Protein backbone atom coordinates (compact mmCIF):
# COMPACT_ATOMS: atom_id res chain seq x y z
CA MET A 1 -124.84 136.51 14.87
CA ASP A 2 -121.47 136.82 13.13
CA PRO A 3 -121.05 139.66 10.60
CA GLN A 4 -119.22 139.48 7.29
CA VAL A 5 -116.30 141.77 6.44
CA PHE A 6 -117.15 144.82 4.32
CA VAL A 7 -115.30 148.11 3.86
CA ARG A 8 -116.70 151.48 2.87
CA LEU A 9 -114.64 153.57 0.47
CA SER A 10 -115.88 157.16 0.38
CA ILE A 11 -114.71 159.91 -1.97
CA GLY A 12 -115.73 163.42 -1.11
CA SER A 13 -114.77 167.01 -0.30
CA LEU A 14 -114.25 167.59 -4.03
CA GLY A 15 -113.01 170.85 -5.48
CA ILE A 16 -110.79 172.14 -8.27
CA ARG A 17 -108.76 175.29 -8.61
CA ILE A 18 -106.96 176.67 -11.65
CA PRO A 19 -104.01 179.08 -11.56
CA VAL A 20 -104.90 182.21 -13.53
CA VAL A 21 -102.26 183.53 -15.92
CA THR A 22 -102.48 187.31 -15.97
CA SER A 23 -100.49 187.92 -19.17
CA ASN A 24 -103.21 186.68 -21.46
CA PRO A 25 -106.02 185.03 -19.47
CA VAL A 26 -108.01 184.21 -22.58
CA ARG A 27 -105.24 182.62 -24.58
CA GLU A 28 -102.87 181.22 -21.95
CA GLY A 29 -104.89 180.97 -18.80
CA VAL A 30 -108.40 180.17 -17.75
CA ARG A 31 -111.81 181.48 -18.57
CA ILE A 32 -114.15 180.65 -15.74
CA SER A 33 -117.90 180.40 -15.95
CA THR A 34 -120.40 179.59 -13.23
CA SER A 35 -120.65 175.93 -14.27
CA PRO A 36 -118.51 173.39 -12.37
CA CYS A 37 -116.45 170.54 -13.73
CA VAL A 38 -117.53 166.93 -13.60
CA CYS A 39 -115.50 163.86 -12.75
CA GLU A 40 -115.69 160.15 -13.48
CA ILE A 41 -114.74 157.88 -10.59
CA ARG A 42 -113.58 154.40 -11.51
CA LEU A 43 -112.76 151.31 -9.46
CA ARG A 44 -112.24 147.91 -11.05
CA GLY A 45 -115.32 145.72 -10.87
CA PHE A 46 -117.76 148.57 -10.13
CA PRO A 47 -119.86 150.81 -12.38
CA VAL A 48 -118.38 154.21 -13.22
CA ARG A 49 -119.67 156.96 -10.94
CA THR A 50 -119.99 160.63 -11.86
CA ALA A 51 -119.95 163.67 -9.61
CA VAL A 52 -119.81 167.45 -9.84
CA VAL A 53 -116.51 169.11 -8.93
CA PRO A 54 -117.10 172.72 -7.83
CA PHE A 55 -114.61 175.45 -8.69
CA ILE A 56 -112.68 176.74 -5.65
CA SER A 57 -111.02 180.13 -5.75
CA SER A 58 -107.64 180.87 -4.23
CA SER A 59 -109.28 182.85 -1.42
CA PRO A 60 -108.59 181.38 2.06
CA GLN A 61 -112.28 181.68 2.86
CA ASP A 62 -113.23 179.47 -0.10
CA SER A 63 -112.66 175.78 0.57
CA PRO A 64 -114.33 172.45 -0.30
CA ASP A 65 -117.11 171.12 1.91
CA PRO A 66 -115.32 168.77 4.34
CA HIS A 67 -118.49 166.76 5.00
CA HIS A 68 -119.73 166.26 1.44
CA ILE A 69 -119.50 162.71 0.05
CA ALA A 70 -119.55 162.47 -3.74
CA THR A 71 -119.78 158.68 -3.98
CA THR A 72 -119.25 155.53 -1.96
CA PHE A 73 -118.09 152.03 -2.85
CA TYR A 74 -118.86 149.05 -0.63
CA LEU A 75 -116.33 146.26 -0.94
CA GLN A 76 -116.41 142.73 0.38
CA ASP A 77 -113.19 141.12 1.51
CA SER A 78 -113.21 139.07 -1.71
CA ASP A 79 -113.39 142.28 -3.79
CA VAL A 80 -110.23 143.66 -2.18
CA LYS A 81 -108.37 140.36 -2.63
CA ALA A 82 -109.29 140.29 -6.33
CA MET A 83 -108.00 143.85 -6.80
CA LEU A 84 -104.69 142.98 -5.11
CA ALA A 85 -104.13 139.87 -7.26
CA PRO A 86 -102.69 140.64 -10.74
CA GLY A 87 -104.01 138.52 -13.60
CA CYS A 88 -103.71 138.04 -17.34
CA PHE A 89 -105.80 141.09 -18.19
CA HIS A 90 -104.73 143.14 -15.16
CA PRO A 91 -100.97 142.74 -14.65
CA SER A 92 -100.88 145.27 -11.81
CA HIS A 93 -102.97 146.09 -8.80
CA ALA A 94 -106.21 147.99 -9.32
CA SER A 95 -106.36 151.74 -8.80
CA LEU A 96 -108.99 154.24 -7.82
CA GLU A 97 -109.15 156.81 -10.62
CA VAL A 98 -110.81 160.22 -10.51
CA SER A 99 -110.78 161.87 -13.95
CA VAL A 100 -111.86 165.51 -14.18
CA PHE A 101 -113.48 166.92 -17.32
CA VAL A 102 -114.64 170.26 -18.62
CA GLY A 103 -117.40 170.59 -21.15
CA LYS A 104 -119.34 173.05 -23.22
CA GLN A 105 -120.80 174.73 -20.16
CA GLY A 106 -117.66 174.51 -18.02
CA PHE A 107 -114.57 176.68 -17.86
CA GLN A 108 -111.89 176.58 -20.53
CA TYR A 109 -108.33 175.80 -19.61
CA CYS A 110 -105.46 176.81 -21.90
CA GLY A 111 -107.70 176.92 -24.94
CA VAL A 112 -109.18 173.46 -24.24
CA GLY A 113 -112.91 172.89 -24.01
CA GLY A 114 -115.88 174.83 -25.23
CA LYS A 115 -117.23 172.57 -27.96
CA LYS A 116 -116.94 169.17 -26.35
CA GLN A 117 -115.91 167.52 -23.12
CA GLN A 118 -112.14 167.51 -22.53
CA GLN A 119 -110.10 165.91 -19.79
CA VAL A 120 -108.26 168.19 -17.36
CA GLY A 121 -106.36 165.48 -15.50
CA THR A 122 -106.60 162.28 -13.45
CA PHE A 123 -105.93 161.37 -9.83
CA ARG A 124 -104.84 157.77 -9.22
CA LEU A 125 -104.54 155.85 -5.98
CA GLU A 126 -103.37 152.25 -6.09
CA VAL A 127 -105.17 149.61 -4.05
CA GLY A 128 -102.84 148.39 -1.30
CA PRO A 129 -102.77 145.88 1.58
CA GLU A 130 -104.13 148.52 3.95
CA TRP A 131 -107.47 148.23 2.17
CA SER A 132 -108.08 144.88 3.86
CA GLY A 133 -106.67 145.78 7.27
CA GLY A 134 -110.07 146.19 8.91
CA LYS A 135 -109.16 149.60 10.36
CA PRO A 136 -110.12 153.16 9.38
CA VAL A 137 -107.56 154.58 6.95
CA LEU A 138 -107.38 158.08 5.53
CA LEU A 139 -105.95 157.32 2.09
CA HIS A 140 -105.75 160.91 0.87
CA HIS A 141 -106.88 164.34 2.02
CA GLY A 142 -105.91 167.62 0.42
CA TRP A 143 -104.87 169.26 -2.83
CA ILE A 144 -102.92 167.48 -5.56
CA GLY A 145 -101.88 168.53 -9.06
CA ILE A 146 -103.60 166.65 -11.87
CA GLY A 147 -102.17 168.36 -14.96
CA LYS A 148 -99.63 170.70 -16.49
CA THR A 149 -100.26 173.82 -18.54
CA LYS A 150 -99.19 173.70 -22.17
CA GLN A 151 -98.11 177.28 -22.71
CA ASP A 152 -96.64 178.57 -19.46
CA GLY A 153 -93.33 176.73 -19.27
CA GLY A 154 -94.57 173.65 -17.47
CA LYS A 155 -95.75 175.39 -14.32
CA PRO A 156 -98.28 173.52 -12.13
CA GLY A 157 -101.72 173.48 -13.63
CA PRO A 158 -105.07 172.53 -12.15
CA GLU A 159 -105.26 171.09 -8.64
CA LEU A 160 -107.89 168.69 -7.35
CA HIS A 161 -108.99 168.53 -3.74
CA LEU A 162 -110.50 165.32 -2.43
CA ARG A 163 -110.81 163.18 0.64
CA VAL A 164 -110.54 159.40 0.24
CA MET A 165 -111.46 157.45 3.36
CA LEU A 166 -111.63 153.73 4.05
CA ASP A 167 -113.81 152.56 6.94
CA PRO A 168 -114.72 149.07 8.15
CA ASP A 169 -118.44 148.41 7.54
CA PRO A 170 -119.28 144.90 8.82
CA ARG A 171 -122.68 143.53 7.75
CA TYR A 172 -125.06 140.73 8.54
CA VAL A 173 -126.18 138.88 5.42
CA PHE A 174 -129.46 136.92 5.27
CA GLN A 175 -131.19 134.94 2.55
CA PHE A 176 -134.76 133.72 2.08
CA GLU A 177 -134.43 130.02 1.20
CA ASP A 178 -137.43 130.11 -1.14
CA ASP A 179 -140.00 132.50 -2.62
CA THR A 180 -141.57 134.75 0.00
CA LYS A 181 -145.04 133.38 -0.76
CA SER A 182 -143.79 129.87 0.03
CA SER A 183 -143.23 130.79 3.71
CA PRO A 184 -139.51 130.03 3.59
CA GLN A 185 -136.88 129.66 6.25
CA ILE A 186 -134.45 132.58 6.53
CA VAL A 187 -130.77 131.80 7.04
CA GLN A 188 -127.77 133.92 7.88
CA LEU A 189 -124.78 133.58 5.54
CA GLN A 190 -121.59 133.45 7.59
CA GLY A 191 -117.89 133.46 6.74
CA THR A 192 -116.11 133.32 3.42
CA MET A 193 -117.66 129.91 2.72
CA LYS A 194 -121.14 131.43 3.16
CA MET A 195 -122.19 128.81 5.72
CA LYS A 196 -125.96 128.88 6.31
CA GLN A 197 -127.26 129.29 9.84
CA PRO A 198 -131.07 129.13 10.29
CA ILE A 199 -132.23 132.13 12.26
CA PHE A 200 -135.82 133.08 11.31
CA SER A 201 -138.85 131.68 9.53
CA CYS A 202 -141.24 133.59 7.29
CA LYS A 203 -144.99 132.93 7.26
CA PHE A 204 -146.99 134.33 4.34
CA SER A 205 -150.80 134.49 4.26
CA SER A 206 -153.32 136.19 1.97
CA GLU A 207 -156.38 136.32 4.21
CA ARG A 208 -158.25 139.60 4.28
CA ARG A 209 -159.32 139.23 7.89
CA MET A 210 -158.54 136.84 10.68
CA SER A 211 -161.24 134.61 12.13
CA SER A 212 -162.84 135.91 15.29
CA HIS A 213 -161.46 133.04 17.37
CA GLN A 214 -157.86 133.80 16.37
CA LEU A 215 -156.08 136.00 18.88
CA ASP A 216 -153.94 138.00 16.52
CA PRO A 217 -152.62 141.27 18.01
CA MET A 218 -152.64 142.79 14.51
CA ASN A 219 -156.43 142.66 14.22
CA ASN A 220 -156.71 146.31 15.23
CA TYR A 221 -154.80 147.31 12.10
CA TRP A 222 -157.06 145.37 9.74
CA SER A 223 -160.00 147.58 10.71
CA SER A 224 -158.25 150.52 9.07
CA MET A 225 -158.38 148.85 5.64
CA LYS A 226 -160.42 150.74 3.06
CA GLU A 227 -164.09 149.75 2.83
CA GLY A 228 -166.70 150.28 0.16
CA ILE A 229 -164.67 148.97 -2.77
CA ASP A 230 -166.99 148.00 -5.62
CA GLN A 231 -167.33 144.37 -6.68
CA GLU A 232 -165.02 144.67 -9.70
CA SER A 233 -162.24 146.28 -7.71
CA GLU A 234 -162.79 143.81 -4.89
CA ARG A 235 -162.24 140.94 -7.34
CA LYS A 236 -159.15 142.50 -8.87
CA ALA A 237 -157.53 144.02 -5.77
CA ARG A 238 -154.40 142.52 -4.29
CA LYS A 239 -154.96 142.87 -0.59
CA GLY A 240 -154.89 140.93 2.64
CA TRP A 241 -151.28 139.83 2.16
CA LYS A 242 -149.35 139.45 5.38
CA VAL A 243 -145.86 138.28 6.29
CA MET A 244 -144.92 137.27 9.83
CA ILE A 245 -141.28 136.83 10.84
CA HIS A 246 -140.74 134.26 13.62
CA ASP A 247 -137.59 133.52 15.59
CA LEU A 248 -136.37 129.96 16.20
CA SER A 249 -138.59 129.64 19.28
CA GLY A 250 -141.66 130.35 17.12
CA ALA A 251 -142.33 133.81 18.56
CA ALA A 252 -143.46 136.50 16.11
CA VAL A 253 -140.81 139.24 16.13
CA ALA A 254 -141.83 141.40 13.14
CA ALA A 255 -144.52 141.60 10.48
CA ALA A 256 -145.60 143.38 7.30
CA PHE A 257 -149.12 143.60 5.92
CA ILE A 258 -150.92 145.43 3.15
CA ALA A 259 -152.62 148.48 4.64
CA THR A 260 -153.76 149.97 1.31
CA PRO A 261 -154.84 147.46 -1.40
CA PHE A 262 -152.97 147.26 -4.69
CA VAL A 263 -155.73 148.12 -7.16
CA PRO A 264 -155.71 149.47 -10.74
CA SER A 265 -156.25 153.20 -10.97
CA SER A 266 -159.25 154.52 -12.83
CA GLY A 267 -158.91 154.18 -16.59
CA CYS A 268 -155.79 152.01 -16.59
CA ASP A 269 -154.63 148.49 -15.79
CA ARG A 270 -151.96 149.27 -13.23
CA VAL A 271 -151.30 150.58 -9.73
CA ALA A 272 -150.48 154.23 -10.34
CA ARG A 273 -148.62 156.90 -8.40
CA SER A 274 -151.90 158.65 -7.66
CA ASN A 275 -153.15 155.63 -5.68
CA PRO A 276 -150.20 153.49 -4.55
CA GLY A 277 -150.48 150.28 -2.62
CA ALA A 278 -148.97 150.40 0.85
CA TRP A 279 -147.53 148.08 3.47
CA LEU A 280 -147.30 148.72 7.19
CA ILE A 281 -144.17 147.30 8.81
CA VAL A 282 -144.71 146.61 12.52
CA ARG A 283 -142.70 145.41 15.50
CA PRO A 284 -143.71 144.05 18.93
CA ASP A 285 -144.56 146.74 21.46
CA ILE A 286 -141.75 146.84 24.01
CA CYS A 287 -144.20 148.11 26.64
CA GLY A 288 -146.66 145.23 26.50
CA THR A 289 -147.40 141.72 25.30
CA ASP A 290 -149.51 140.76 22.30
CA SER A 291 -149.42 144.27 20.91
CA TRP A 292 -147.64 145.84 17.97
CA GLN A 293 -146.30 149.24 17.00
CA PRO A 294 -145.89 150.62 13.46
CA TRP A 295 -142.25 151.11 12.48
CA GLY A 296 -142.44 152.01 8.80
CA LYS A 297 -144.67 152.42 5.77
CA LEU A 298 -143.72 151.16 2.29
CA GLU A 299 -145.59 152.49 -0.75
CA ALA A 300 -145.26 150.99 -4.24
CA TRP A 301 -146.73 151.63 -7.67
CA ARG A 302 -146.06 150.85 -11.33
CA GLU A 303 -144.22 153.33 -13.53
CA ARG A 304 -144.71 153.05 -17.28
CA GLY A 305 -141.97 154.14 -19.66
CA VAL A 306 -139.49 152.71 -22.11
CA LYS A 307 -138.98 149.96 -19.56
CA ASP A 308 -141.60 149.41 -16.87
CA SER A 309 -140.43 149.75 -13.30
CA VAL A 310 -141.82 149.67 -9.79
CA SER A 311 -141.42 152.79 -7.66
CA PHE A 312 -140.86 152.48 -3.93
CA ARG A 313 -141.17 155.05 -1.19
CA PHE A 314 -140.35 154.12 2.41
CA HIS A 315 -141.09 156.20 5.49
CA LEU A 316 -140.18 155.64 9.12
CA VAL A 317 -143.13 156.19 11.46
CA PRO A 318 -142.09 157.68 14.82
CA GLU A 319 -143.94 156.22 17.77
CA GLY A 320 -147.15 158.01 18.61
CA GLN A 321 -147.30 159.98 15.35
CA GLU A 322 -149.63 159.72 12.41
CA ALA A 323 -148.47 159.19 8.80
CA GLY A 324 -148.11 162.95 8.43
CA GLY A 325 -145.22 162.91 10.89
CA SER A 326 -143.30 160.15 9.09
CA ILE A 327 -139.77 160.55 7.76
CA LEU A 328 -138.87 159.69 4.18
CA VAL A 329 -135.65 157.62 4.11
CA SER A 330 -135.73 155.89 0.71
CA GLU A 331 -137.29 156.53 -2.71
CA LEU A 332 -136.15 154.57 -5.76
CA LEU A 333 -137.04 152.51 -8.84
CA ILE A 334 -136.61 148.77 -9.48
CA SER A 335 -136.96 147.18 -12.91
CA ALA A 336 -140.23 145.24 -13.11
CA ASP A 337 -138.66 142.74 -15.51
CA LYS A 338 -135.12 142.26 -14.17
CA GLY A 339 -135.59 143.16 -10.52
CA GLY A 340 -132.92 145.10 -8.68
CA GLU A 341 -131.85 146.50 -5.34
CA PHE A 342 -133.89 148.27 -2.69
CA PHE A 343 -131.69 150.13 -0.23
CA ILE A 344 -131.58 152.62 2.60
CA ASP A 345 -128.32 154.50 2.27
CA THR A 346 -127.98 158.23 2.85
CA ASP A 347 -124.63 158.24 1.02
CA ARG A 348 -126.31 157.16 -2.22
CA GLN A 349 -129.48 159.23 -2.32
CA THR A 350 -131.40 162.05 -0.75
CA PRO A 351 -132.71 162.83 1.77
CA SER A 352 -129.31 162.76 3.50
CA GLY A 353 -128.58 163.29 7.15
CA THR A 354 -131.73 161.44 8.25
CA PRO A 355 -131.24 159.96 11.71
CA LEU A 356 -132.18 156.30 11.97
CA PRO A 357 -132.79 154.91 15.46
CA SER A 358 -132.72 151.23 16.27
CA PRO A 359 -136.07 149.53 15.54
CA GLN A 360 -136.17 148.61 19.25
CA SER A 361 -135.59 152.17 20.43
CA SER A 362 -138.30 154.35 21.90
CA GLY A 363 -138.95 155.94 18.52
CA ASP A 364 -138.25 159.45 19.83
CA PHE A 365 -136.57 160.86 16.73
CA ALA A 366 -136.00 164.20 18.38
CA ALA A 367 -133.66 162.54 20.86
CA VAL A 368 -131.49 161.06 18.13
CA ALA A 369 -128.40 162.99 17.09
CA PRO A 370 -128.81 164.27 13.50
CA VAL A 371 -125.89 162.34 12.02
CA VAL A 372 -125.62 160.76 8.59
CA ALA A 373 -126.71 157.14 8.83
CA GLY A 374 -124.78 155.99 5.76
CA PHE A 375 -125.52 152.46 4.63
CA VAL A 376 -128.36 150.83 6.56
CA MET A 377 -129.67 147.94 4.47
CA ASN A 378 -130.23 146.57 1.01
CA CYS A 379 -132.11 143.66 -0.47
CA ARG A 380 -131.88 142.20 -3.97
CA VAL A 381 -135.08 140.91 -5.57
CA GLN A 382 -135.95 139.40 -8.94
CA GLY A 383 -138.44 140.70 -11.47
CA GLU A 384 -142.09 139.71 -11.76
CA GLY A 385 -142.79 136.04 -12.42
CA LYS A 386 -139.29 134.97 -11.34
CA SER A 387 -138.13 133.03 -8.30
CA SER A 388 -136.73 135.72 -6.03
CA LYS A 389 -135.24 134.36 -2.77
CA PRO A 390 -134.23 137.83 -1.53
CA VAL A 391 -130.73 138.40 -0.14
CA VAL A 392 -130.60 141.07 2.57
CA GLN A 393 -127.57 142.93 3.94
CA LEU A 394 -127.77 144.91 7.18
CA ALA A 395 -125.15 147.26 8.66
CA MET A 396 -123.98 145.80 11.96
CA ARG A 397 -124.20 149.19 13.70
CA HIS A 398 -127.97 149.29 13.09
CA VAL A 399 -128.65 145.84 14.56
CA THR A 400 -128.55 145.64 18.34
CA CYS A 401 -130.52 142.40 18.64
CA GLU A 402 -132.24 139.74 16.53
CA GLN A 403 -135.50 141.70 16.59
CA ASP A 404 -133.77 144.58 14.82
CA ALA A 405 -132.76 142.24 12.00
CA ALA A 406 -136.28 140.80 11.84
CA ILE A 407 -137.94 144.17 11.16
CA PHE A 408 -135.65 144.79 8.16
CA LEU A 409 -136.41 141.28 6.87
CA ALA A 410 -140.13 142.06 7.08
CA LEU A 411 -139.45 145.18 5.01
CA ALA A 412 -137.48 143.12 2.47
CA ALA A 413 -140.37 140.66 2.18
CA ALA A 414 -142.76 143.55 1.50
CA VAL A 415 -140.44 144.88 -1.22
CA ASP A 416 -140.27 141.46 -2.88
CA LEU A 417 -144.04 140.95 -2.80
CA SER A 418 -144.65 144.48 -4.13
CA ILE A 419 -143.01 143.53 -7.43
CA GLN A 420 -145.75 140.92 -7.88
CA ALA A 421 -148.52 143.13 -6.47
CA CYS A 422 -147.72 145.84 -9.04
CA ARG A 423 -148.10 143.58 -12.08
CA PRO A 424 -150.54 144.97 -14.67
CA PHE A 425 -154.11 143.82 -14.23
CA PRO A 426 -155.93 142.09 -17.14
CA SER A 427 -158.12 144.56 -18.99
CA LYS A 428 -161.81 144.02 -19.77
CA ALA A 429 -161.10 144.18 -23.51
CA LYS A 430 -158.58 141.37 -23.32
CA ARG A 431 -160.93 139.24 -21.27
CA GLY A 432 -163.69 139.82 -23.82
CA ILE A 433 -161.46 138.72 -26.70
CA ARG A 434 -160.55 135.55 -24.86
CA ASN A 435 -164.20 134.83 -24.18
CA VAL A 436 -165.09 135.24 -27.87
CA VAL A 437 -162.28 132.97 -28.96
């Protein structure tokens, strides 16, 4: 498998310090409160990011956190080339901009601030050829002045501390060639021309139980499905869905199946947080044939608000442990109408610092060094009722073999199908009206 070129631009270790003028600290200097500043981080072609900038005193013992990452941008090779090429609307190269602001609850600098947000200063770093060099580059690390005082003779004003680092982050990119329910082929997109290389196939089924003559190693898991559901819930429940991922030889290398049915909660027409549907993501047991081991659990439910969305919660399940010993690695919302992105990325959300072993590892989480995993995977899916064809990106460092990729593709299939499984159920009142008409 050949990866595509990506780079990871991280901005962190933020801090700001303000020189205090002793002659008249209220009028000419700085009044400091306990609230920090905020900054807006801009890079052409990406949404604006915001982050808190803590105040750092002049004491040698007070310094910014060297390990904290405020935000991360992931750039394809084509993104960097576009930033380096001037155009009609952008006559010069793009720049990374970090603009620091104070607001009503922040500190006041030289009489500025208090009633509304005011800008303290801006750090700019122009995009250069080194951004596409494919090597780690420390673009900036340390303090830099971002403004001048207005009433102290032009002496240096506020200083911003930040660390800007560029790291290569190669990824494997896969695409489902059709809707997940259509049992599509899965291809790998390679090179700048996005050449398609078949690599897996996806088999979807909606049977609640396998026939007794079928030798399916997953049968043991089906027995754990909830029993005793009343006839109405049985008719309305979305259950029995299963996705098998096969390699080119036809061998099953990963799977996902509904372990908790998607049913409407009592008194409403939707899958609610109090009773989410759940998928079990499994992989072949490395210690034996025709047996499977749980790798992760994906829960999903419908959130109702101004715009409906589907909530996801994904846990890793260490080998030999029950659900209570699982590790939360992703929790996010996806628009039910427009779709969106499911991701595992400790730079973009909490919990951070979660170790992530290879899916083919022994599963002994205690033996894994507690390092930040960073970007692991993402998949883009469409909203309910739309043709999805998920696109999945996987960090190369988390894929040691094809089976590792397959388990993430099974997870992506479960995410895609959850959008459909969380659609509102028809209510009895609406059915009655239709029957009368």
